[in-house]
Amino acid sequence: MASQFVDFRVGQWLGFDDLKSNAKVTKNSLDRLITVPKATVIESYEEAMVRFDLSQEDIDARQKEFGKLSIFFLLLSLALFSYGLFIATKGDTLGFLMVVALTLYTLTQAFRYHFWLFQLRHRKLGCTLREWWNARINP
């Protein structure tokens, strides 16, 4: 008689089914975020220039633009980090964490533009991070 009033299924109390489905959705989302899609068109740098109708002057202009953007985001990240240290000394922990997040975002943007600049300078599409890193260490 007591079993009619008390549900002894602890898994349903804690929502194990929901937790499992949420973990699965999160894993699938992270997999899609991390996995780089395969290129649908395999082409050389010169073929890509022809396909997108780009001249060498266009490429040179993009190189200047990417260089300036890379430096801008790097300087912005340094300014943000300095500000973060300042507000950390004032005891604003949440503000400091927000500034750290913004600093990381601006650093990713600086990397993004520098990586694109690297590919343009080396006239090679689809460079790897290892090639970028090795070129930075051994210029």
Protein backbone atom coordinates (compact mmCIF):
# COMPACT_ATOMS: atom_id res chain seq x y z
CA MET A 1 0.00 0.00 0.00
CA ALA A 2 2.87 2.40 0.75
CA SER A 3 4.37 1.82 -2.69
CA GLN A 4 1.41 3.64 -4.27
CA PHE A 5 2.43 6.88 -2.58
CA VAL A 6 6.21 6.65 -2.72
CA ASP A 7 8.15 6.44 -5.99
CA PHE A 8 11.35 4.43 -5.40
CA ARG A 9 12.83 5.13 -8.85
CA VAL A 10 15.77 7.31 -7.83
CA GLY A 11 16.88 7.72 -11.45
CA GLN A 12 13.69 9.60 -12.22
CA TRP A 13 14.04 11.77 -9.14
CA LEU A 14 17.45 12.94 -10.31
CA GLY A 15 16.51 13.10 -13.98
CA PHE A 16 19.16 10.69 -15.25
CA ASP A 17 17.48 10.40 -18.64
CA ASP A 18 17.52 14.17 -19.08
CA LEU A 19 21.13 14.38 -17.92
CA LYS A 20 22.17 11.70 -20.42
CA SER A 21 20.36 13.39 -23.31
CA ASN A 22 21.83 16.80 -22.39
CA ALA A 23 25.32 15.28 -22.21
CA LYS A 24 24.80 13.71 -25.63
CA VAL A 25 23.64 17.00 -27.17
CA THR A 26 26.62 18.82 -25.61
CA LYS A 27 29.06 16.20 -26.90
CA ASN A 28 27.61 16.39 -30.41
CA SER A 29 27.78 20.19 -30.35
CA LEU A 30 31.41 20.14 -29.23
CA ASP A 31 32.26 17.57 -31.89
CA ARG A 32 30.75 19.81 -34.60
CA LEU A 33 32.59 22.81 -33.15
CA ILE A 34 36.00 21.15 -32.98
CA THR A 35 35.91 19.04 -36.15
CA VAL A 36 37.15 20.87 -39.22
CA PRO A 37 34.99 20.08 -42.26
CA LYS A 38 36.74 18.59 -45.25
CA ALA A 39 37.27 20.90 -48.19
CA THR A 40 34.77 20.36 -50.99
CA VAL A 41 37.08 21.89 -53.60
CA ILE A 42 40.75 20.90 -53.72
CA GLU A 43 42.64 23.65 -55.49
CA SER A 44 45.94 25.43 -55.47
CA TYR A 45 46.49 28.99 -54.33
CA GLU A 46 46.60 30.26 -57.92
CA GLU A 47 43.41 28.37 -58.85
CA ALA A 48 41.65 29.95 -55.87
CA MET A 49 42.82 33.40 -57.01
CA VAL A 50 41.29 32.76 -60.44
CA ARG A 51 38.06 31.32 -59.00
CA PHE A 52 37.54 34.32 -56.71
CA ASP A 53 38.75 36.76 -59.39
CA LEU A 54 41.51 38.20 -57.19
CA SER A 55 44.50 40.09 -58.49
CA GLN A 56 47.87 40.37 -56.75
CA GLU A 57 46.90 43.93 -55.74
CA ASP A 58 43.81 42.53 -54.00
CA ILE A 59 45.97 39.99 -52.16
CA ASP A 60 48.44 42.70 -51.13
CA ALA A 61 45.58 44.85 -49.82
CA ARG A 62 44.25 41.89 -47.82
CA GLN A 63 47.70 41.25 -46.39
CA LYS A 64 47.90 44.85 -45.15
CA GLU A 65 44.37 44.63 -43.77
CA PHE A 66 45.01 41.34 -41.94
CA GLY A 67 48.31 42.66 -40.56
CA LYS A 68 46.65 45.79 -39.18
CA LEU A 69 43.74 43.82 -37.71
CA SER A 70 46.10 41.32 -36.09
CA ILE A 71 48.09 44.11 -34.44
CA PHE A 72 44.90 45.95 -33.43
CA PHE A 73 43.45 42.90 -31.66
CA LEU A 74 46.78 42.14 -30.01
CA LEU A 75 47.05 45.69 -28.65
CA LEU A 76 43.40 45.58 -27.58
CA SER A 77 44.02 42.35 -25.70
CA LEU A 78 47.01 43.91 -23.93
CA ALA A 79 44.92 46.92 -22.95
CA LEU A 80 42.10 44.71 -21.71
CA PHE A 81 44.48 42.54 -19.72
CA SER A 82 46.01 45.65 -18.12
CA TYR A 83 42.55 46.87 -17.22
CA GLY A 84 41.73 43.44 -15.83
CA LEU A 85 44.74 43.58 -13.55
CA PHE A 86 43.69 47.03 -12.42
CA ILE A 87 40.17 45.98 -11.48
CA ALA A 88 41.50 42.78 -9.88
CA THR A 89 43.55 44.96 -7.50
CA LYS A 90 40.33 46.81 -6.64
CA GLY A 91 38.74 43.51 -5.62
CA ASP A 92 36.24 43.15 -8.48
CA THR A 93 36.54 39.43 -9.15
CA LEU A 94 33.56 39.12 -11.48
CA GLY A 95 34.72 42.11 -13.50
CA PHE A 96 38.17 40.57 -13.74
CA LEU A 97 36.72 37.30 -15.03
CA MET A 98 34.72 39.17 -17.65
CA VAL A 99 37.81 41.05 -18.80
CA VAL A 100 39.76 37.78 -18.98
CA ALA A 101 37.04 36.34 -21.23
CA LEU A 102 37.18 39.43 -23.46
CA THR A 103 40.97 39.25 -23.52
CA LEU A 104 40.84 35.63 -24.65
CA TYR A 105 38.34 36.55 -27.37
CA THR A 106 40.53 39.37 -28.69
CA LEU A 107 43.55 37.06 -28.65
CA THR A 108 41.66 34.52 -30.75
CA GLN A 109 40.82 37.27 -33.22
CA ALA A 110 44.48 38.35 -33.35
CA PHE A 111 45.47 34.75 -34.03
CA ARG A 112 42.78 34.36 -36.68
CA TYR A 113 43.95 37.34 -38.72
CA HIS A 114 47.60 36.49 -38.27
CA PHE A 115 46.98 32.92 -39.45
CA TRP A 116 45.18 34.21 -42.55
CA LEU A 117 48.07 36.60 -43.15
CA PHE A 118 50.49 33.68 -42.81
CA GLN A 119 48.62 31.71 -45.47
CA LEU A 120 48.61 34.67 -47.85
CA ARG A 121 52.32 35.34 -47.35
CA HIS A 122 53.22 31.70 -47.96
CA ARG A 123 50.78 31.44 -50.87
CA LYS A 124 49.40 28.20 -49.53
CA LEU A 125 45.82 27.41 -48.56
CA GLY A 126 45.04 24.96 -45.78
CA CYS A 127 48.15 25.53 -43.68
CA THR A 128 48.27 23.70 -40.39
CA LEU A 129 48.84 25.14 -36.95
CA ARG A 130 52.11 23.26 -36.82
CA GLU A 131 53.34 25.04 -39.98
CA TRP A 132 52.30 28.39 -38.50
CA TRP A 133 54.01 27.64 -35.20
CA ASN A 134 57.22 26.37 -36.80
CA ALA A 135 57.39 29.45 -39.03
CA ARG A 136 57.08 31.65 -35.93
CA ILE A 137 59.90 29.81 -34.17
CA ASN A 138 62.18 29.35 -37.21
CA PRO A 139 61.59 32.36 -39.46
